[in-house]
Amino acid sequence: MSEFVGSWDLIRYAHTVGEIPNEDDGSAIHAWLQGSDKGSLGSDTERTGLQLSIEGESFSEQVSAFSSLMFDVEGVQVNDYQPMSGKILVINGLGFLMPEGVPEYALPINVAFPLRYDDGDTKVCDTVRVFDDVLVRQLSVVTDELYLDRMTLLYYRGQDIA
């Protein structure tokens, strides 16, 4: 847990889309939601304006001039992202961001791993990992058990920004 603690400033962002194969038994959906265990983005762009602070078992965000596609606390795809706060659950070295304010009807029940949001049509999982002193956040979304979105964000520790 201590590897996540601190103030993290966004430096890079990537958005990936795809579709689940028709013959999926659910394993591709679970794999997508849990994210990649790699620290790279592939095709990405420089971004700033989003700060993630983690202290103990809690997290909070601050937003200033960040206007990239994200999913908000209500599972809605937005360009005008609003900061969240809540708890971070760490399981086997993987952090799951669990924000406050998720509508009651979308609180996940009986799932294999912590989801941030699940209303039956849209599932959202928000994970963090640390690779080589870079925090990698993956906001992975499955809609209608078919359509895939992933926002991958790279953060440096606040004091590491030049």
N, C-alpha and C. Protein backbone atom coordinates (compact mmCIF):
# COMPACT_ATOMS: atom_id res chain seq x y z
N MET A 1 0.82 -1.20 0.00
CA MET A 1 0.00 0.00 0.00
C MET A 1 0.87 1.26 0.00
N SER A 2 2.02 1.21 0.68
CA SER A 2 2.84 2.42 0.82
C SER A 2 3.34 2.93 -0.52
N GLU A 3 3.47 2.06 -1.54
CA GLU A 3 3.95 2.51 -2.84
C GLU A 3 2.98 3.48 -3.50
N PHE A 4 1.69 3.44 -3.13
CA PHE A 4 0.68 4.32 -3.71
C PHE A 4 0.59 5.67 -3.01
N VAL A 5 1.02 5.73 -1.74
CA VAL A 5 0.82 6.92 -0.92
C VAL A 5 1.60 8.09 -1.49
N GLY A 6 0.92 9.24 -1.58
CA GLY A 6 1.56 10.46 -2.04
C GLY A 6 0.66 11.24 -2.98
N SER A 7 1.23 12.29 -3.51
CA SER A 7 0.54 13.15 -4.48
C SER A 7 1.11 12.85 -5.86
N TRP A 8 0.22 12.56 -6.81
CA TRP A 8 0.62 12.15 -8.16
C TRP A 8 0.05 13.12 -9.18
N ASP A 9 0.90 13.58 -10.11
CA ASP A 9 0.50 14.53 -11.15
C ASP A 9 0.46 13.83 -12.52
N LEU A 10 -0.64 14.02 -13.23
CA LEU A 10 -0.81 13.42 -14.55
C LEU A 10 0.22 13.95 -15.53
N ILE A 11 0.81 13.03 -16.32
CA ILE A 11 1.77 13.44 -17.35
C ILE A 11 1.38 12.93 -18.74
N ARG A 12 0.70 11.79 -18.83
CA ARG A 12 0.34 11.21 -20.13
C ARG A 12 -1.03 10.54 -20.04
N TYR A 13 -1.69 10.43 -21.21
CA TYR A 13 -3.05 9.89 -21.29
C TYR A 13 -3.22 9.15 -22.61
N ALA A 14 -3.94 8.04 -22.58
CA ALA A 14 -4.29 7.31 -23.81
C ALA A 14 -5.71 6.77 -23.67
N HIS A 15 -6.43 6.72 -24.78
CA HIS A 15 -7.79 6.16 -24.82
C HIS A 15 -7.80 5.04 -25.84
N THR A 16 -8.24 3.86 -25.42
CA THR A 16 -8.30 2.68 -26.27
C THR A 16 -9.73 2.19 -26.32
N VAL A 17 -10.18 1.74 -27.50
CA VAL A 17 -11.52 1.16 -27.64
C VAL A 17 -11.41 -0.20 -28.32
N GLY A 18 -12.45 -1.02 -28.16
CA GLY A 18 -12.47 -2.33 -28.79
C GLY A 18 -13.81 -3.00 -28.58
N GLU A 19 -13.87 -4.28 -28.92
CA GLU A 19 -15.07 -5.08 -28.72
C GLU A 19 -14.69 -6.46 -28.21
N ILE A 20 -15.58 -7.05 -27.42
CA ILE A 20 -15.40 -8.40 -26.89
C ILE A 20 -15.79 -9.40 -27.99
N PRO A 21 -15.03 -10.47 -28.17
CA PRO A 21 -15.42 -11.50 -29.15
C PRO A 21 -16.76 -12.14 -28.78
N ASN A 22 -17.53 -12.49 -29.77
CA ASN A 22 -18.86 -13.09 -29.54
C ASN A 22 -18.80 -14.35 -28.70
N GLU A 23 -17.75 -15.14 -28.83
CA GLU A 23 -17.67 -16.42 -28.14
C GLU A 23 -17.12 -16.31 -26.72
N ASP A 24 -17.01 -15.12 -26.16
CA ASP A 24 -16.43 -14.93 -24.83
C ASP A 24 -17.29 -15.58 -23.75
N ASP A 25 -16.63 -16.28 -22.84
CA ASP A 25 -17.31 -16.91 -21.71
C ASP A 25 -17.30 -16.01 -20.47
N GLY A 26 -16.93 -14.78 -20.63
CA GLY A 26 -16.84 -13.84 -19.52
C GLY A 26 -15.41 -13.56 -19.11
N SER A 27 -14.48 -14.42 -19.50
CA SER A 27 -13.09 -14.22 -19.09
C SER A 27 -12.45 -13.01 -19.76
N ALA A 28 -12.82 -12.71 -21.00
CA ALA A 28 -12.27 -11.53 -21.68
C ALA A 28 -12.78 -10.25 -21.02
N ILE A 29 -14.03 -10.26 -20.58
CA ILE A 29 -14.59 -9.09 -19.88
C ILE A 29 -13.83 -8.87 -18.58
N HIS A 30 -13.63 -9.94 -17.79
CA HIS A 30 -12.91 -9.81 -16.52
C HIS A 30 -11.48 -9.34 -16.75
N ALA A 31 -10.82 -9.91 -17.76
CA ALA A 31 -9.44 -9.51 -18.04
C ALA A 31 -9.37 -8.03 -18.44
N TRP A 32 -10.30 -7.58 -19.26
CA TRP A 32 -10.32 -6.17 -19.68
C TRP A 32 -10.51 -5.26 -18.47
N LEU A 33 -11.49 -5.59 -17.63
CA LEU A 33 -11.80 -4.74 -16.49
C LEU A 33 -10.63 -4.64 -15.51
N GLN A 34 -9.89 -5.71 -15.31
CA GLN A 34 -8.77 -5.68 -14.38
C GLN A 34 -7.56 -4.96 -14.94
N GLY A 35 -7.54 -4.70 -16.23
CA GLY A 35 -6.47 -3.91 -16.83
C GLY A 35 -5.25 -4.73 -17.19
N SER A 36 -4.33 -4.06 -17.83
CA SER A 36 -3.08 -4.66 -18.27
C SER A 36 -2.06 -4.56 -17.14
N ASP A 37 -1.19 -5.55 -17.06
CA ASP A 37 -0.15 -5.49 -16.04
C ASP A 37 1.14 -4.88 -16.57
N LYS A 38 1.03 -4.15 -17.65
CA LYS A 38 2.18 -3.48 -18.25
C LYS A 38 2.14 -1.98 -17.92
N GLY A 39 3.31 -1.38 -17.86
CA GLY A 39 3.39 0.03 -17.52
C GLY A 39 3.46 0.96 -18.71
N SER A 40 3.18 0.45 -19.91
CA SER A 40 3.29 1.31 -21.09
C SER A 40 1.92 1.69 -21.61
N LEU A 41 1.88 2.75 -22.40
CA LEU A 41 0.63 3.23 -22.97
C LEU A 41 0.46 2.89 -24.44
N GLY A 42 1.55 2.69 -25.15
CA GLY A 42 1.43 2.55 -26.59
C GLY A 42 1.26 3.93 -27.20
N SER A 43 0.11 4.20 -27.79
CA SER A 43 -0.17 5.51 -28.39
C SER A 43 -0.77 6.42 -27.33
N ASP A 44 -0.02 7.43 -26.94
CA ASP A 44 -0.49 8.33 -25.88
C ASP A 44 -0.15 9.77 -26.22
N THR A 45 -0.67 10.67 -25.40
CA THR A 45 -0.38 12.09 -25.56
C THR A 45 -0.08 12.69 -24.20
N GLU A 46 0.69 13.78 -24.22
CA GLU A 46 0.96 14.49 -22.98
C GLU A 46 -0.33 15.12 -22.47
N ARG A 47 -0.56 15.02 -21.18
CA ARG A 47 -1.72 15.63 -20.55
C ARG A 47 -1.32 16.08 -19.15
N THR A 48 -1.93 17.15 -18.70
CA THR A 48 -1.77 17.61 -17.33
C THR A 48 -3.14 18.04 -16.83
N GLY A 49 -3.18 18.51 -15.61
CA GLY A 49 -4.41 19.07 -15.08
C GLY A 49 -5.21 18.13 -14.19
N LEU A 50 -4.64 16.98 -13.84
CA LEU A 50 -5.32 16.04 -12.95
C LEU A 50 -4.31 15.56 -11.92
N GLN A 51 -4.67 15.71 -10.66
CA GLN A 51 -3.80 15.29 -9.57
C GLN A 51 -4.55 14.25 -8.74
N LEU A 52 -3.87 13.17 -8.41
CA LEU A 52 -4.42 12.10 -7.59
C LEU A 52 -3.61 12.04 -6.30
N SER A 53 -4.29 12.16 -5.17
CA SER A 53 -3.62 12.08 -3.87
C SER A 53 -4.12 10.84 -3.14
N ILE A 54 -3.18 10.06 -2.62
CA ILE A 54 -3.52 8.84 -1.89
C ILE A 54 -2.87 8.93 -0.52
N GLU A 55 -3.70 8.76 0.51
CA GLU A 55 -3.22 8.81 1.89
C GLU A 55 -3.94 7.72 2.67
N GLY A 56 -3.17 6.80 3.24
CA GLY A 56 -3.78 5.69 3.96
C GLY A 56 -4.66 4.87 3.02
N GLU A 57 -5.92 4.71 3.38
CA GLU A 57 -6.86 3.95 2.55
C GLU A 57 -7.79 4.86 1.77
N SER A 58 -7.43 6.13 1.62
CA SER A 58 -8.30 7.10 0.94
C SER A 58 -7.59 7.73 -0.25
N PHE A 59 -8.40 8.21 -1.20
CA PHE A 59 -7.86 8.95 -2.34
C PHE A 59 -8.74 10.16 -2.60
N SER A 60 -8.15 11.16 -3.25
CA SER A 60 -8.91 12.32 -3.71
C SER A 60 -8.23 12.85 -4.97
N GLU A 61 -9.00 13.62 -5.73
CA GLU A 61 -8.49 14.19 -6.97
C GLU A 61 -8.69 15.70 -6.98
N GLN A 62 -7.83 16.37 -7.72
CA GLN A 62 -8.00 17.78 -8.03
C GLN A 62 -7.88 17.92 -9.54
N VAL A 63 -8.76 18.73 -10.12
CA VAL A 63 -8.78 18.92 -11.56
C VAL A 63 -8.57 20.39 -11.87
N SER A 64 -7.68 20.68 -12.85
CA SER A 64 -7.51 22.04 -13.35
C SER A 64 -7.14 21.95 -14.83
N ALA A 65 -8.05 22.37 -15.67
CA ALA A 65 -7.82 22.39 -17.13
C ALA A 65 -7.58 21.00 -17.71
N PHE A 66 -8.26 20.00 -17.18
CA PHE A 66 -8.18 18.64 -17.73
C PHE A 66 -9.46 18.39 -18.52
N SER A 67 -9.34 18.10 -19.81
CA SER A 67 -10.55 17.95 -20.63
C SER A 67 -10.46 16.74 -21.56
N SER A 68 -10.00 15.63 -21.05
CA SER A 68 -9.94 14.40 -21.83
C SER A 68 -11.12 13.51 -21.46
N LEU A 69 -11.45 12.60 -22.35
CA LEU A 69 -12.56 11.69 -22.14
C LEU A 69 -12.32 10.82 -20.91
N MET A 70 -13.33 10.74 -20.03
CA MET A 70 -13.28 9.91 -18.82
C MET A 70 -14.69 9.40 -18.54
N PHE A 71 -14.82 8.56 -17.51
CA PHE A 71 -16.12 8.13 -17.02
C PHE A 71 -16.26 8.67 -15.60
N ASP A 72 -17.39 9.32 -15.33
CA ASP A 72 -17.57 9.95 -14.02
C ASP A 72 -18.08 8.95 -12.99
N VAL A 73 -18.36 9.44 -11.80
CA VAL A 73 -18.78 8.60 -10.68
C VAL A 73 -20.12 7.91 -10.96
N GLU A 74 -20.90 8.44 -11.90
CA GLU A 74 -22.20 7.85 -12.25
C GLU A 74 -22.10 6.98 -13.51
N GLY A 75 -20.89 6.64 -13.94
CA GLY A 75 -20.70 5.76 -15.08
C GLY A 75 -20.97 6.40 -16.42
N VAL A 76 -20.97 7.73 -16.48
CA VAL A 76 -21.26 8.47 -17.71
C VAL A 76 -19.95 8.91 -18.36
N GLN A 77 -19.86 8.74 -19.67
CA GLN A 77 -18.70 9.18 -20.43
C GLN A 77 -18.75 10.70 -20.57
N VAL A 78 -17.71 11.39 -20.10
CA VAL A 78 -17.70 12.85 -20.08
C VAL A 78 -16.36 13.41 -20.55
N ASN A 79 -16.40 14.64 -21.04
CA ASN A 79 -15.18 15.40 -21.33
C ASN A 79 -14.90 16.41 -20.23
N ASP A 80 -15.93 16.77 -19.46
CA ASP A 80 -15.82 17.73 -18.36
C ASP A 80 -15.75 16.93 -17.06
N TYR A 81 -14.62 16.32 -16.81
CA TYR A 81 -14.45 15.41 -15.68
C TYR A 81 -14.46 16.16 -14.36
N GLN A 82 -15.22 15.63 -13.40
CA GLN A 82 -15.29 16.20 -12.06
C GLN A 82 -14.49 15.33 -11.10
N PRO A 83 -13.72 15.93 -10.20
CA PRO A 83 -12.88 15.15 -9.29
C PRO A 83 -13.70 14.27 -8.36
N MET A 84 -13.10 13.16 -7.97
CA MET A 84 -13.73 12.21 -7.06
C MET A 84 -12.88 12.07 -5.80
N SER A 85 -13.47 11.45 -4.79
CA SER A 85 -12.74 11.03 -3.61
C SER A 85 -13.39 9.75 -3.11
N GLY A 86 -12.65 9.00 -2.32
CA GLY A 86 -13.19 7.75 -1.80
C GLY A 86 -12.11 6.89 -1.19
N LYS A 87 -12.30 5.59 -1.27
CA LYS A 87 -11.38 4.61 -0.68
C LYS A 87 -10.56 3.93 -1.77
N ILE A 88 -9.39 3.45 -1.38
CA ILE A 88 -8.59 2.61 -2.26
C ILE A 88 -8.45 1.25 -1.58
N LEU A 89 -8.82 0.20 -2.30
CA LEU A 89 -8.65 -1.17 -1.82
C LEU A 89 -7.45 -1.76 -2.54
N VAL A 90 -6.55 -2.39 -1.80
CA VAL A 90 -5.37 -2.99 -2.42
C VAL A 90 -5.46 -4.50 -2.26
N ILE A 91 -5.45 -5.20 -3.41
CA ILE A 91 -5.52 -6.66 -3.42
C ILE A 91 -4.38 -7.16 -4.29
N ASN A 92 -3.47 -7.93 -3.68
CA ASN A 92 -2.32 -8.49 -4.41
C ASN A 92 -1.53 -7.42 -5.17
N GLY A 93 -1.32 -6.28 -4.54
CA GLY A 93 -0.52 -5.21 -5.14
C GLY A 93 -1.23 -4.34 -6.15
N LEU A 94 -2.50 -4.62 -6.40
CA LEU A 94 -3.30 -3.84 -7.35
C LEU A 94 -4.28 -2.98 -6.56
N GLY A 95 -4.25 -1.66 -6.81
CA GLY A 95 -5.15 -0.75 -6.11
C GLY A 95 -6.43 -0.54 -6.91
N PHE A 96 -7.57 -0.58 -6.22
CA PHE A 96 -8.88 -0.34 -6.83
C PHE A 96 -9.46 0.93 -6.23
N LEU A 97 -9.73 1.94 -7.07
CA LEU A 97 -10.32 3.19 -6.61
C LEU A 97 -11.83 3.01 -6.51
N MET A 98 -12.37 3.26 -5.31
CA MET A 98 -13.79 3.09 -5.04
C MET A 98 -14.36 4.44 -4.57
N PRO A 99 -14.87 5.25 -5.49
CA PRO A 99 -15.30 6.61 -5.13
C PRO A 99 -16.59 6.64 -4.32
N GLU A 100 -16.74 7.72 -3.58
CA GLU A 100 -18.00 8.01 -2.90
C GLU A 100 -18.97 8.57 -3.93
N GLY A 101 -20.27 8.42 -3.68
CA GLY A 101 -21.27 9.03 -4.53
C GLY A 101 -21.78 8.17 -5.67
N VAL A 102 -21.36 6.90 -5.73
CA VAL A 102 -21.90 6.01 -6.76
C VAL A 102 -23.36 5.76 -6.43
N PRO A 103 -24.27 5.91 -7.41
CA PRO A 103 -25.69 5.68 -7.13
C PRO A 103 -25.91 4.27 -6.57
N GLU A 104 -26.84 4.14 -5.64
CA GLU A 104 -27.08 2.86 -4.98
C GLU A 104 -27.37 1.73 -5.97
N TYR A 105 -28.12 2.03 -7.02
CA TYR A 105 -28.47 1.00 -8.00
C TYR A 105 -27.25 0.48 -8.77
N ALA A 106 -26.14 1.20 -8.72
CA ALA A 106 -24.95 0.81 -9.48
C ALA A 106 -23.82 0.30 -8.59
N LEU A 107 -24.10 0.11 -7.30
CA LEU A 107 -23.08 -0.43 -6.41
C LEU A 107 -22.91 -1.91 -6.73
N PRO A 108 -21.72 -2.34 -7.07
CA PRO A 108 -21.49 -3.74 -7.44
C PRO A 108 -21.75 -4.69 -6.27
N ILE A 109 -22.38 -5.82 -6.57
CA ILE A 109 -22.67 -6.84 -5.57
C ILE A 109 -22.17 -8.18 -6.10
N ASN A 110 -21.53 -8.95 -5.25
CA ASN A 110 -21.08 -10.30 -5.61
C ASN A 110 -20.27 -10.33 -6.90
N VAL A 111 -19.19 -9.59 -6.93
CA VAL A 111 -18.32 -9.59 -8.11
C VAL A 111 -16.99 -10.24 -7.75
N ALA A 112 -16.28 -10.72 -8.76
CA ALA A 112 -15.01 -11.43 -8.54
C ALA A 112 -13.90 -10.50 -8.07
N PHE A 113 -14.00 -9.21 -8.38
CA PHE A 113 -13.01 -8.22 -7.97
C PHE A 113 -13.74 -6.88 -7.87
N PRO A 114 -13.16 -5.91 -7.15
CA PRO A 114 -13.86 -4.65 -6.91
C PRO A 114 -14.10 -3.83 -8.18
N LEU A 115 -15.35 -3.58 -8.48
CA LEU A 115 -15.73 -2.67 -9.56
C LEU A 115 -16.11 -1.34 -8.94
N ARG A 116 -15.85 -0.28 -9.66
CA ARG A 116 -16.23 1.06 -9.22
C ARG A 116 -17.72 1.30 -9.47
N TYR A 117 -18.25 0.68 -10.53
CA TYR A 117 -19.62 0.96 -10.97
C TYR A 117 -20.13 -0.24 -11.76
N ASP A 118 -21.40 -0.64 -11.53
CA ASP A 118 -22.01 -1.72 -12.31
C ASP A 118 -23.52 -1.56 -12.24
N ASP A 119 -24.11 -1.03 -13.33
CA ASP A 119 -25.57 -0.86 -13.37
C ASP A 119 -26.26 -1.93 -14.21
N GLY A 120 -25.51 -2.97 -14.58
CA GLY A 120 -26.06 -4.03 -15.41
C GLY A 120 -25.70 -3.86 -16.87
N ASP A 121 -25.64 -2.63 -17.35
CA ASP A 121 -25.25 -2.34 -18.73
C ASP A 121 -23.80 -1.87 -18.83
N THR A 122 -23.36 -1.12 -17.84
CA THR A 122 -22.02 -0.55 -17.84
C THR A 122 -21.27 -1.01 -16.60
N LYS A 123 -20.07 -1.54 -16.81
CA LYS A 123 -19.19 -1.93 -15.71
C LYS A 123 -17.93 -1.08 -15.80
N VAL A 124 -17.51 -0.52 -14.67
CA VAL A 124 -16.32 0.34 -14.62
C VAL A 124 -15.39 -0.18 -13.52
N CYS A 125 -14.13 -0.36 -13.87
CA CYS A 125 -13.11 -0.73 -12.90
C CYS A 125 -11.97 0.28 -13.02
N ASP A 126 -11.54 0.82 -11.89
CA ASP A 126 -10.55 1.89 -11.85
C ASP A 126 -9.37 1.39 -11.01
N THR A 127 -8.26 1.03 -11.68
CA THR A 127 -7.13 0.42 -10.98
C THR A 127 -5.89 1.30 -11.04
N VAL A 128 -5.01 1.10 -10.06
CA VAL A 128 -3.70 1.77 -10.05
C VAL A 128 -2.62 0.74 -9.74
N ARG A 129 -1.48 0.92 -10.40
CA ARG A 129 -0.28 0.11 -10.19
C ARG A 129 0.91 1.06 -10.24
N VAL A 130 2.03 0.66 -9.65
CA VAL A 130 3.24 1.46 -9.75
C VAL A 130 4.31 0.65 -10.48
N PHE A 131 4.86 1.24 -11.55
CA PHE A 131 5.96 0.66 -12.32
C PHE A 131 7.07 1.70 -12.39
N ASP A 132 8.26 1.35 -11.91
CA ASP A 132 9.41 2.25 -12.02
C ASP A 132 9.09 3.67 -11.58
N ASP A 133 8.47 3.82 -10.43
CA ASP A 133 8.12 5.12 -9.84
C ASP A 133 7.09 5.91 -10.64
N VAL A 134 6.37 5.25 -11.53
CA VAL A 134 5.28 5.88 -12.28
C VAL A 134 3.99 5.17 -11.87
N LEU A 135 2.98 5.94 -11.49
CA LEU A 135 1.68 5.37 -11.17
C LEU A 135 0.88 5.24 -12.47
N VAL A 136 0.45 4.03 -12.76
CA VAL A 136 -0.34 3.75 -13.95
C VAL A 136 -1.78 3.51 -13.51
N ARG A 137 -2.66 4.37 -13.97
CA ARG A 137 -4.09 4.25 -13.66
C ARG A 137 -4.82 3.79 -14.92
N GLN A 138 -5.64 2.77 -14.78
CA GLN A 138 -6.42 2.28 -15.90
C GLN A 138 -7.90 2.31 -15.52
N LEU A 139 -8.64 3.11 -16.23
CA LEU A 139 -10.09 3.21 -16.07
C LEU A 139 -10.68 2.36 -17.19
N SER A 140 -11.07 1.13 -16.86
CA SER A 140 -11.51 0.15 -17.86
C SER A 140 -13.02 -0.01 -17.79
N VAL A 141 -13.67 0.04 -18.96
CA VAL A 141 -15.13 0.06 -19.03
C VAL A 141 -15.60 -0.98 -20.05
N VAL A 142 -16.67 -1.71 -19.68
CA VAL A 142 -17.36 -2.61 -20.60
C VAL A 142 -18.82 -2.18 -20.63
N THR A 143 -19.34 -1.93 -21.83
CA THR A 143 -20.73 -1.53 -22.00
C THR A 143 -21.46 -2.61 -22.80
N ASP A 144 -22.63 -2.99 -22.32
CA ASP A 144 -23.47 -4.00 -22.99
C ASP A 144 -22.73 -5.31 -23.22
N GLU A 145 -21.76 -5.63 -22.35
CA GLU A 145 -20.95 -6.84 -22.45
C GLU A 145 -20.31 -7.01 -23.82
N LEU A 146 -20.07 -5.89 -24.51
CA LEU A 146 -19.52 -5.93 -25.86
C LEU A 146 -18.49 -4.84 -26.12
N TYR A 147 -18.82 -3.59 -25.78
CA TYR A 147 -17.98 -2.45 -26.15
C TYR A 147 -16.98 -2.13 -25.04
N LEU A 148 -15.74 -1.88 -25.44
CA LEU A 148 -14.64 -1.66 -24.50
C LEU A 148 -14.08 -0.25 -24.62
N ASP A 149 -13.82 0.36 -23.49
CA ASP A 149 -13.10 1.63 -23.41
C ASP A 149 -12.06 1.48 -22.31
N ARG A 150 -10.89 2.06 -22.53
CA ARG A 150 -9.90 2.13 -21.45
C ARG A 150 -9.17 3.46 -21.56
N MET A 151 -9.18 4.19 -20.46
CA MET A 151 -8.38 5.38 -20.33
C MET A 151 -7.17 4.99 -19.47
N THR A 152 -5.98 5.15 -20.01
CA THR A 152 -4.76 4.86 -19.26
C THR A 152 -4.08 6.19 -18.98
N LEU A 153 -3.80 6.42 -17.71
CA LEU A 153 -3.20 7.68 -17.28
C LEU A 153 -1.91 7.38 -16.54
N LEU A 154 -0.85 8.11 -16.88
CA LEU A 154 0.43 7.98 -16.19
C LEU A 154 0.65 9.20 -15.32
N TYR A 155 1.07 8.95 -14.09
CA TYR A 155 1.32 10.02 -13.12
C TYR A 155 2.74 9.90 -12.56
N TYR A 156 3.40 11.05 -12.38
CA TYR A 156 4.64 11.11 -11.61
C TYR A 156 4.30 11.65 -10.23
N ARG A 157 5.14 11.28 -9.27
CA ARG A 157 4.97 11.86 -7.92
C ARG A 157 5.11 13.37 -8.02
N GLY A 158 4.32 14.08 -7.25
CA GLY A 158 4.28 15.54 -7.31
C GLY A 158 5.63 16.20 -7.28
N GLN A 159 6.55 15.75 -6.44
CA GLN A 159 7.86 16.39 -6.34
C GLN A 159 8.77 16.04 -7.51
N ASP A 160 8.37 15.06 -8.37
CA ASP A 160 9.20 14.67 -9.50
C ASP A 160 8.95 15.50 -10.74
N ILE A 161 7.94 16.37 -10.73
CA ILE A 161 7.62 17.18 -11.91
C ILE A 161 8.62 18.32 -12.00
N ALA A 162 9.21 18.49 -13.17
CA ALA A 162 10.20 19.56 -13.36
C ALA A 162 9.53 20.89 -13.62
